[in-house]
Amino acid sequence: MMMKQKLFLLAILCWGTLSTVSANEGDKKKKSSTSKASVSKKAVTATRTPVKSVSKTTPPVKRLSLRDTIQSPGKIDTSVSTEGFEDLFEQDTRAGILLNARAVEFVEDYMDKNSDDLLSMKSSCTPYFKTIENILSQYGLPAELKYLAFIESQMKIRAKSWAGAVGPWQLMPVTARELGLTVTKTRDDRYDYKKSTHAAAKYLIDLYKEFGDWLLVIAAYNGGPGNVYKAIGKSGGSRNFWKLQNFLPAESRTHVKKFIGTHYIFEGSGGVTTLTNAEVKKQLGVTATYLLNRKISSKENANAKTIIVSGKYRSEMISKNIMMSHADFLRYNPDFDKKMSSSDNVYELKLPADKMELFNANKYNILNDSVQSALNANTAMSVRNEAGQ
């Protein structure tokens, strides 16, 4: 009996132990399962959270194409560089001169490469520029043609080309003699600044009367009139430099563009000598021929002011209101009434500085007097016509 009781108690103890172990193992498994689930959940959360964050707070990165970096045509910034050059189109619109689109790239590049060097030479060239300006004004030529001498020789008196052209204006021997210069073994007037400039001025006038276009004049000065005529013929008769330029020798074509670029560097804008004749008419409303007919001295020219005028102005009324003789007014402004009565009706008025002040102060009264004078003249003509019938 005692043996049976002992075995029964031992069985109960073993069962309790096994239950405890089983329970502990179950708890461990449950905890392990819970832990794994927790880790798994955290892992999923960790991998998903950045995706949700990107979609909600960080927009997708936009890949820029070339198309995205180009502004509309009306807003394109075409500044020459960061060195301070302004956009040529904008600049010249303010100055009244618009550079031909076909010249922009060359001129911008020329300015970018040469401005510093050329401007550094400006002070040393100033005395020569003044000498040339004074002589050009005696012939009624634009003072800006002095830049032709600059690109020909950089103002060097002893400059000499491989072809035999010498002096500041690089005149050939035959041309120089035809213009009245002495060219011998012992004397060569081409090296004389004043004499050679007088000769160059005469030549420029002859070329302008022949071609009526400053860009063609510059091309002819460099390559000869014959090459310009050949280019005109090959282009179908065009006298527009930009249309015939590819038929000119490369040197002459580049020479014209260098002149324009040099003009822009020294003047800060274009002028009548940087335009074709058609562009002059379109932008200034004049043919510029009258500029050659101004009979004023270099001193008078230096003291003069200019302004572009339009309207029904009459020379008699202007000269009366600014207290200037009519003859003197026409000396400064030849063909004024002819130009103002034409369809262009625009003129580059030039007056002594003090007279220009009077004109600006009274221009509206002068215009009113001019209109009234024209009406009176028309009325008088009508009366005469009726009386004659």
Protein backbone atom coordinates (compact mmCIF):
# COMPACT_ATOMS: atom_id res chain seq x y z
CA MET A 1 0.00 0.00 0.00
CA MET A 2 2.74 2.34 0.87
CA MET A 3 4.51 1.60 -2.42
CA LYS A 4 1.42 2.51 -4.44
CA GLN A 5 1.04 5.84 -2.62
CA LYS A 6 4.68 6.73 -3.33
CA LEU A 7 4.33 5.97 -7.04
CA PHE A 8 1.12 8.02 -7.20
CA LEU A 9 2.78 11.05 -5.59
CA LEU A 10 5.81 10.74 -7.91
CA ALA A 11 3.52 10.70 -10.97
CA ILE A 12 1.75 13.84 -9.80
CA LEU A 13 5.07 15.64 -9.27
CA CYS A 14 6.34 14.68 -12.74
CA TRP A 15 3.12 15.84 -14.36
CA GLY A 16 3.35 19.22 -12.58
CA THR A 17 6.92 19.67 -13.69
CA LEU A 18 6.08 18.83 -17.28
CA SER A 19 3.12 21.24 -17.19
CA THR A 20 5.33 24.01 -15.88
CA VAL A 21 7.98 23.37 -18.51
CA SER A 22 5.32 23.22 -21.20
CA ALA A 23 3.77 26.43 -19.95
CA ASN A 24 7.17 28.13 -19.89
CA GLU A 25 7.94 26.90 -23.38
CA GLY A 26 4.55 28.17 -24.53
CA ASP A 27 5.20 31.54 -22.97
CA LYS A 28 8.58 31.67 -24.65
CA LYS A 29 7.10 30.75 -28.01
CA LYS A 30 4.32 33.30 -27.56
CA LYS A 31 6.82 35.98 -26.58
CA SER A 32 9.06 34.98 -29.46
CA SER A 33 6.13 35.07 -31.85
CA THR A 34 5.02 38.42 -30.49
CA SER A 35 8.57 39.76 -30.72
CA LYS A 36 8.95 38.55 -34.31
CA ALA A 37 5.61 40.06 -35.22
CA SER A 38 6.64 43.32 -33.61
CA VAL A 39 9.98 43.35 -35.41
CA SER A 40 8.31 42.44 -38.68
CA LYS A 41 5.75 45.19 -38.22
CA LYS A 42 8.47 47.72 -37.39
CA ALA A 43 10.45 46.62 -40.42
CA VAL A 44 7.45 47.09 -42.68
CA THR A 45 6.76 50.44 -41.10
CA ALA A 46 10.38 51.42 -41.52
CA THR A 47 10.40 50.49 -45.19
CA ARG A 48 7.08 52.09 -45.96
CA THR A 49 7.41 55.34 -44.03
CA PRO A 50 9.95 56.98 -46.39
CA VAL A 51 7.76 56.17 -49.37
CA LYS A 52 4.76 57.77 -47.71
CA SER A 53 6.90 60.78 -46.71
CA VAL A 54 8.15 61.30 -50.30
CA SER A 55 4.69 61.06 -51.77
CA LYS A 56 3.23 63.52 -49.29
CA THR A 57 5.94 66.11 -48.65
CA THR A 58 8.63 65.84 -51.38
CA PRO A 59 7.48 66.35 -54.97
CA PRO A 60 9.26 64.37 -57.69
CA VAL A 61 12.44 66.00 -59.03
CA LYS A 62 11.80 67.70 -62.40
CA ARG A 63 14.34 66.87 -65.08
CA LEU A 64 15.04 70.07 -67.02
CA SER A 65 15.29 69.81 -70.76
CA LEU A 66 16.83 72.43 -73.04
CA ARG A 67 13.33 73.57 -73.87
CA ASP A 68 12.73 74.47 -70.21
CA THR A 69 15.77 76.76 -70.07
CA ILE A 70 14.88 78.89 -73.09
CA GLN A 71 12.65 81.92 -72.64
CA SER A 72 10.11 83.05 -75.16
CA PRO A 73 11.60 84.97 -78.12
CA GLY A 74 10.43 88.30 -76.79
CA LYS A 75 12.27 87.81 -73.51
CA ILE A 76 15.59 86.32 -74.57
CA ASP A 77 18.55 87.97 -72.84
CA THR A 78 21.16 88.51 -75.52
CA SER A 79 23.68 90.50 -73.49
CA VAL A 80 27.17 90.30 -74.88
CA SER A 81 28.78 89.08 -71.67
CA THR A 82 29.04 89.74 -67.97
CA GLU A 83 31.77 92.29 -68.63
CA GLY A 84 29.27 95.13 -68.82
CA PHE A 85 28.29 95.28 -72.48
CA GLU A 86 24.60 96.03 -72.89
CA ASP A 87 22.34 94.31 -75.34
CA LEU A 88 23.08 95.93 -78.68
CA PHE A 89 19.48 96.03 -79.81
CA GLU A 90 18.26 97.66 -76.61
CA GLN A 91 21.15 100.07 -76.57
CA ASP A 92 20.69 101.22 -80.13
CA THR A 93 16.95 101.57 -79.82
CA ARG A 94 17.60 104.19 -77.17
CA ALA A 95 20.22 105.85 -79.33
CA GLY A 96 17.98 105.83 -82.39
CA ILE A 97 20.16 103.34 -84.30
CA LEU A 98 19.32 99.64 -84.60
CA LEU A 99 22.14 97.25 -85.53
CA ASN A 100 21.41 94.88 -88.39
CA ALA A 101 20.64 91.41 -87.03
CA ARG A 102 23.21 89.87 -89.38
CA ALA A 103 25.96 91.92 -87.75
CA VAL A 104 25.13 91.25 -84.12
CA GLU A 105 27.05 88.01 -83.61
CA PHE A 106 30.25 89.31 -85.22
CA VAL A 107 30.09 92.69 -83.48
CA GLU A 108 29.40 91.16 -80.06
CA ASP A 109 32.31 88.75 -80.48
CA TYR A 110 34.57 91.54 -81.78
CA MET A 111 33.70 93.76 -78.83
CA ASP A 112 34.19 90.95 -76.36
CA LYS A 113 37.68 90.20 -77.71
CA ASN A 114 38.95 93.69 -78.52
CA SER A 115 37.25 96.29 -76.30
CA ASP A 116 39.90 96.33 -73.57
CA ASP A 117 42.79 96.66 -76.01
CA LEU A 118 41.10 99.29 -78.18
CA LEU A 119 39.91 101.42 -75.29
CA SER A 120 43.39 101.32 -73.78
CA MET A 121 44.63 102.95 -77.01
CA LYS A 122 41.95 105.66 -77.02
CA SER A 123 43.90 108.29 -75.09
CA SER A 124 47.02 107.90 -77.24
CA CYS A 125 44.90 108.10 -80.40
CA THR A 126 42.88 111.16 -79.33
CA PRO A 127 45.22 113.79 -80.87
CA TYR A 128 45.14 111.93 -84.19
CA PHE A 129 41.37 111.53 -84.00
CA LYS A 130 40.96 115.28 -83.51
CA THR A 131 43.18 116.05 -86.49
CA ILE A 132 41.17 113.68 -88.68
CA GLU A 133 37.82 114.98 -87.39
CA ASN A 134 38.76 118.57 -88.22
CA ILE A 135 39.69 117.63 -91.78
CA LEU A 136 36.67 115.38 -92.35
CA SER A 137 34.35 118.18 -91.19
CA GLN A 138 35.81 120.47 -93.85
CA TYR A 139 34.51 118.03 -96.45
CA GLY A 140 31.17 117.56 -94.69
CA LEU A 141 31.99 113.93 -93.91
CA PRO A 142 30.82 112.10 -90.76
CA ALA A 143 33.47 112.33 -88.05
CA GLU A 144 33.04 108.61 -87.32
CA LEU A 145 34.89 107.77 -90.53
CA LYS A 146 38.04 108.33 -88.47
CA TYR A 147 37.58 104.74 -87.30
CA LEU A 148 38.34 103.61 -90.83
CA ALA A 149 41.88 104.92 -90.37
CA PHE A 150 42.04 103.10 -87.05
CA ILE A 151 41.22 99.69 -88.48
CA GLU A 152 43.43 100.36 -91.51
CA SER A 153 46.58 101.18 -89.53
CA GLN A 154 45.74 101.55 -85.82
CA MET A 155 46.73 105.19 -86.42
CA LYS A 156 50.37 104.27 -87.08
CA ILE A 157 52.07 106.72 -89.43
CA ARG A 158 54.67 104.20 -90.64
CA ALA A 159 52.17 101.37 -91.17
CA LYS A 160 52.81 99.41 -94.37
CA SER A 161 50.93 96.48 -95.90
CA TRP A 162 52.27 93.59 -97.95
CA ALA A 163 50.46 95.05 -100.99
CA GLY A 164 52.29 98.39 -100.78
CA ALA A 165 49.66 100.53 -99.03
CA VAL A 166 51.25 102.82 -96.45
CA GLY A 167 50.44 105.50 -93.90
CA PRO A 168 47.51 105.94 -91.52
CA TRP A 169 45.00 105.62 -94.37
CA GLN A 170 46.84 102.79 -96.14
CA LEU A 171 46.68 104.39 -99.57
CA MET A 172 48.12 102.60 -102.59
CA PRO A 173 50.68 104.54 -104.69
CA VAL A 174 48.46 104.93 -107.77
CA THR A 175 45.43 106.02 -105.75
CA ALA A 176 47.52 108.47 -103.73
CA ARG A 177 48.89 110.12 -106.87
CA GLU A 178 45.41 110.39 -108.36
CA LEU A 179 44.33 112.19 -105.19
CA GLY A 180 47.15 114.72 -105.50
CA LEU A 181 49.76 113.25 -103.17
CA THR A 182 53.42 113.07 -104.05
CA VAL A 183 54.78 109.54 -103.97
CA THR A 184 58.45 109.24 -104.98
CA LYS A 185 61.59 107.56 -103.67
CA THR A 186 62.52 110.69 -101.77
CA ARG A 187 59.08 111.90 -100.67
CA ASP A 188 55.87 110.10 -99.76
CA ASP A 189 52.93 112.23 -98.63
CA ARG A 190 51.03 109.15 -97.54
CA TYR A 191 53.03 109.27 -94.30
CA ASP A 192 51.85 112.83 -93.62
CA TYR A 193 48.77 112.75 -91.37
CA LYS A 194 47.15 115.92 -92.65
CA LYS A 195 47.93 115.44 -96.33
CA SER A 196 46.89 111.80 -96.35
CA THR A 197 43.65 112.60 -94.49
CA HIS A 198 42.76 115.28 -97.05
CA ALA A 199 43.38 112.72 -99.78
CA ALA A 200 41.34 110.05 -97.99
CA ALA A 201 38.46 112.50 -97.52
CA LYS A 202 38.38 113.22 -101.25
CA TYR A 203 38.42 109.51 -102.00
CA LEU A 204 35.60 108.80 -99.53
CA ILE A 205 33.45 111.50 -101.13
CA ASP A 206 34.07 110.02 -104.58
CA LEU A 207 33.16 106.54 -103.33
CA TYR A 208 30.01 107.79 -101.60
CA LYS A 209 28.85 109.58 -104.72
CA GLU A 210 29.46 106.32 -106.60
CA PHE A 211 27.74 103.90 -104.22
CA GLY A 212 25.54 106.09 -101.98
CA ASP A 213 26.03 103.69 -99.06
CA TRP A 214 28.63 103.94 -96.31
CA LEU A 215 29.07 100.21 -95.83
CA LEU A 216 29.76 99.78 -99.54
CA VAL A 217 32.12 102.76 -99.36
CA ILE A 218 34.14 101.03 -96.62
CA ALA A 219 34.17 97.77 -98.59
CA ALA A 220 35.34 99.63 -101.71
CA TYR A 221 37.98 101.53 -99.75
CA ASN A 222 39.46 98.22 -98.63
CA GLY A 223 39.06 96.04 -101.70
CA GLY A 224 38.57 98.53 -104.51
CA PRO A 225 35.39 99.65 -106.31
CA GLY A 226 35.81 96.86 -108.86
CA ASN A 227 35.24 94.12 -106.30
CA VAL A 228 32.14 95.87 -105.00
CA TYR A 229 30.70 96.09 -108.51
CA LYS A 230 31.44 92.39 -109.03
CA ALA A 231 29.58 91.57 -105.81
CA ILE A 232 26.64 93.72 -106.90
CA GLY A 233 26.49 91.83 -110.18
CA LYS A 234 26.75 88.38 -108.59
CA SER A 235 24.04 89.23 -106.06
CA GLY A 236 21.57 90.07 -108.81
CA GLY A 237 22.05 93.83 -108.64
CA SER A 238 21.60 94.32 -104.89
CA ARG A 239 23.30 97.32 -103.29
CA ASN A 240 22.57 96.10 -99.78
CA PHE A 241 25.83 95.10 -98.10
CA TRP A 242 24.17 92.36 -96.04
CA LYS A 243 22.79 90.72 -99.18
CA LEU A 244 25.95 90.93 -101.29
CA GLN A 245 28.58 90.48 -98.57
CA ASN A 246 29.26 86.83 -99.40
CA PHE A 247 30.29 87.84 -102.93
CA LEU A 248 32.95 90.23 -101.60
CA PRO A 249 36.51 89.17 -100.79
CA ALA A 250 36.62 87.84 -97.22
CA GLU A 251 39.00 90.61 -96.16
CA SER A 252 36.66 93.36 -97.37
CA ARG A 253 33.63 91.69 -95.82
CA THR A 254 35.39 91.43 -92.46
CA HIS A 255 36.76 94.97 -92.79
CA VAL A 256 33.25 96.42 -92.84
CA LYS A 257 32.24 94.48 -89.75
CA LYS A 258 35.42 95.50 -87.94
CA PHE A 259 34.57 99.11 -88.69
CA ILE A 260 31.10 98.65 -87.19
CA GLY A 261 32.54 96.91 -84.13
CA THR A 262 35.16 99.62 -83.61
CA HIS A 263 32.45 102.28 -83.93
CA TYR A 264 30.45 100.56 -81.19
CA ILE A 265 33.46 100.23 -78.90
CA PHE A 266 34.44 103.90 -79.14
CA GLU A 267 30.99 105.49 -79.51
CA GLY A 268 28.87 103.11 -77.44
CA SER A 269 26.29 102.93 -80.23
CA GLY A 270 25.87 102.88 -83.99
CA GLY A 271 25.60 105.78 -86.39
CA VAL A 272 24.89 106.74 -89.96
CA THR A 273 28.13 105.07 -91.12
CA THR A 274 27.16 101.70 -89.59
CA LEU A 275 23.96 101.42 -91.62
CA THR A 276 23.07 100.61 -95.20
CA ASN A 277 21.40 103.39 -97.16
CA ALA A 278 18.06 101.56 -96.84
CA GLU A 279 18.51 101.31 -93.06
CA VAL A 280 19.33 105.01 -92.85
CA LYS A 281 16.11 105.86 -94.66
CA LYS A 282 14.09 103.50 -92.47
CA GLN A 283 15.60 104.52 -89.14
CA LEU A 284 16.45 108.18 -89.67
CA GLY A 285 14.18 109.03 -92.57
CA VAL A 286 17.02 110.66 -94.51
CA THR A 287 19.38 109.57 -97.25
CA ALA A 288 22.33 111.20 -95.46
CA THR A 289 23.43 112.83 -98.72
CA TYR A 290 22.84 116.28 -97.26
CA LEU A 291 25.45 115.53 -94.60
CA LEU A 292 28.07 115.97 -97.31
CA ASN A 293 26.78 119.44 -98.17
CA ARG A 294 27.15 121.09 -94.78
CA LYS A 295 29.49 124.05 -95.16
CA ILE A 296 30.70 124.59 -91.63
CA SER A 297 34.19 124.84 -90.20
CA SER A 298 35.71 122.38 -87.79
CA LYS A 299 35.30 124.93 -84.99
CA GLU A 300 31.62 125.45 -85.84
CA ASN A 301 31.08 121.72 -86.02
CA ALA A 302 32.69 121.19 -82.61
CA ASN A 303 30.31 123.75 -81.07
CA ALA A 304 27.21 122.37 -82.80
CA LYS A 305 24.41 120.20 -81.42
CA THR A 306 22.12 117.88 -83.37
CA ILE A 307 18.58 116.63 -82.89
CA ILE A 308 16.22 114.55 -85.04
CA VAL A 309 13.12 116.57 -85.96
CA SER A 310 9.92 115.73 -87.82
CA GLY A 311 6.79 117.67 -88.64
CA LYS A 312 5.93 120.68 -90.78
CA TYR A 313 8.88 122.83 -89.76
CA ARG A 314 10.01 125.49 -92.23
CA SER A 315 13.55 126.84 -92.34
CA GLU A 316 12.42 130.49 -92.44
CA MET A 317 10.42 130.14 -89.25
CA ILE A 318 13.21 128.35 -87.39
CA SER A 319 15.87 130.90 -88.35
CA LYS A 320 13.52 133.77 -87.44
CA ASN A 321 12.69 132.39 -83.99
CA ILE A 322 16.26 131.52 -83.04
CA MET A 323 17.63 134.83 -84.38
CA MET A 324 19.90 133.21 -86.97
CA SER A 325 20.28 134.34 -90.56
CA HIS A 326 18.52 132.11 -93.06
CA ALA A 327 21.75 131.71 -95.02
CA ASP A 328 23.61 130.49 -91.94
CA PHE A 329 20.78 128.12 -91.09
CA LEU A 330 21.01 126.54 -94.55
CA ARG A 331 24.78 126.30 -94.22
CA TYR A 332 24.25 124.03 -91.25
CA ASN A 333 21.14 122.36 -92.69
CA PRO A 334 21.22 122.15 -96.51
CA ASP A 335 18.09 120.86 -98.26
CA PHE A 336 16.11 121.24 -95.03
CA ASP A 337 12.81 122.27 -96.61
CA LYS A 338 13.17 119.66 -99.35
CA LYS A 339 13.61 116.86 -96.82
CA MET A 340 10.87 118.09 -94.52
CA SER A 341 8.36 118.28 -97.36
CA SER A 342 9.18 114.74 -98.53
CA SER A 343 7.41 111.57 -97.44
CA ASP A 344 10.24 110.88 -94.97
CA ASN A 345 9.66 114.17 -93.14
CA VAL A 346 12.60 113.61 -90.80
CA TYR A 347 15.85 115.56 -90.55
CA GLU A 348 18.97 115.63 -88.41
CA LEU A 349 18.89 119.30 -87.42
CA LYS A 350 22.30 120.79 -86.61
CA LEU A 351 22.66 124.17 -84.91
CA PRO A 352 25.19 126.09 -82.81
CA ALA A 353 24.76 125.12 -79.15
CA ASP A 354 23.16 128.44 -78.12
CA LYS A 355 20.76 128.35 -81.07
CA MET A 356 19.80 124.77 -80.28
CA GLU A 357 18.79 125.89 -76.78
CA LEU A 358 16.51 128.53 -78.31
CA PHE A 359 15.03 125.99 -80.69
CA ASN A 360 14.26 123.49 -77.91
CA ALA A 361 12.70 126.21 -75.77
CA ASN A 362 10.45 127.44 -78.60
CA LYS A 363 9.99 124.41 -80.86
CA TYR A 364 6.21 124.21 -80.42
CA ASN A 365 5.74 127.89 -81.24
CA ILE A 366 8.10 127.46 -84.19
CA LEU A 367 6.09 124.48 -85.44
CA ASN A 368 2.85 126.47 -85.10
CA ASP A 369 4.37 129.41 -87.00
CA SER A 370 5.62 127.01 -89.68
CA VAL A 371 2.18 125.44 -90.15
CA GLN A 372 0.53 128.86 -90.31
CA SER A 373 3.13 130.04 -92.82
CA ALA A 374 2.44 127.02 -95.02
CA LEU A 375 -1.32 127.66 -94.86
CA ASN A 376 -0.82 131.31 -95.79
CA ALA A 377 1.40 130.31 -98.71
CA ASN A 378 -1.24 127.85 -99.96
CA THR A 379 -3.98 130.48 -99.63
CA ALA A 380 -1.93 133.05 -101.55
CA MET A 381 -1.25 130.50 -104.29
CA SER A 382 -4.94 129.70 -104.58
CA VAL A 383 -5.77 133.39 -104.89
CA ARG A 384 -3.18 133.84 -107.63
CA ASN A 385 -4.49 130.81 -109.49
CA GLU A 386 -8.05 132.10 -109.32
CA ALA A 387 -6.96 135.53 -110.50
CA GLY A 388 -5.19 134.00 -113.45
CA GLN A 389 -8.23 132.06 -114.61
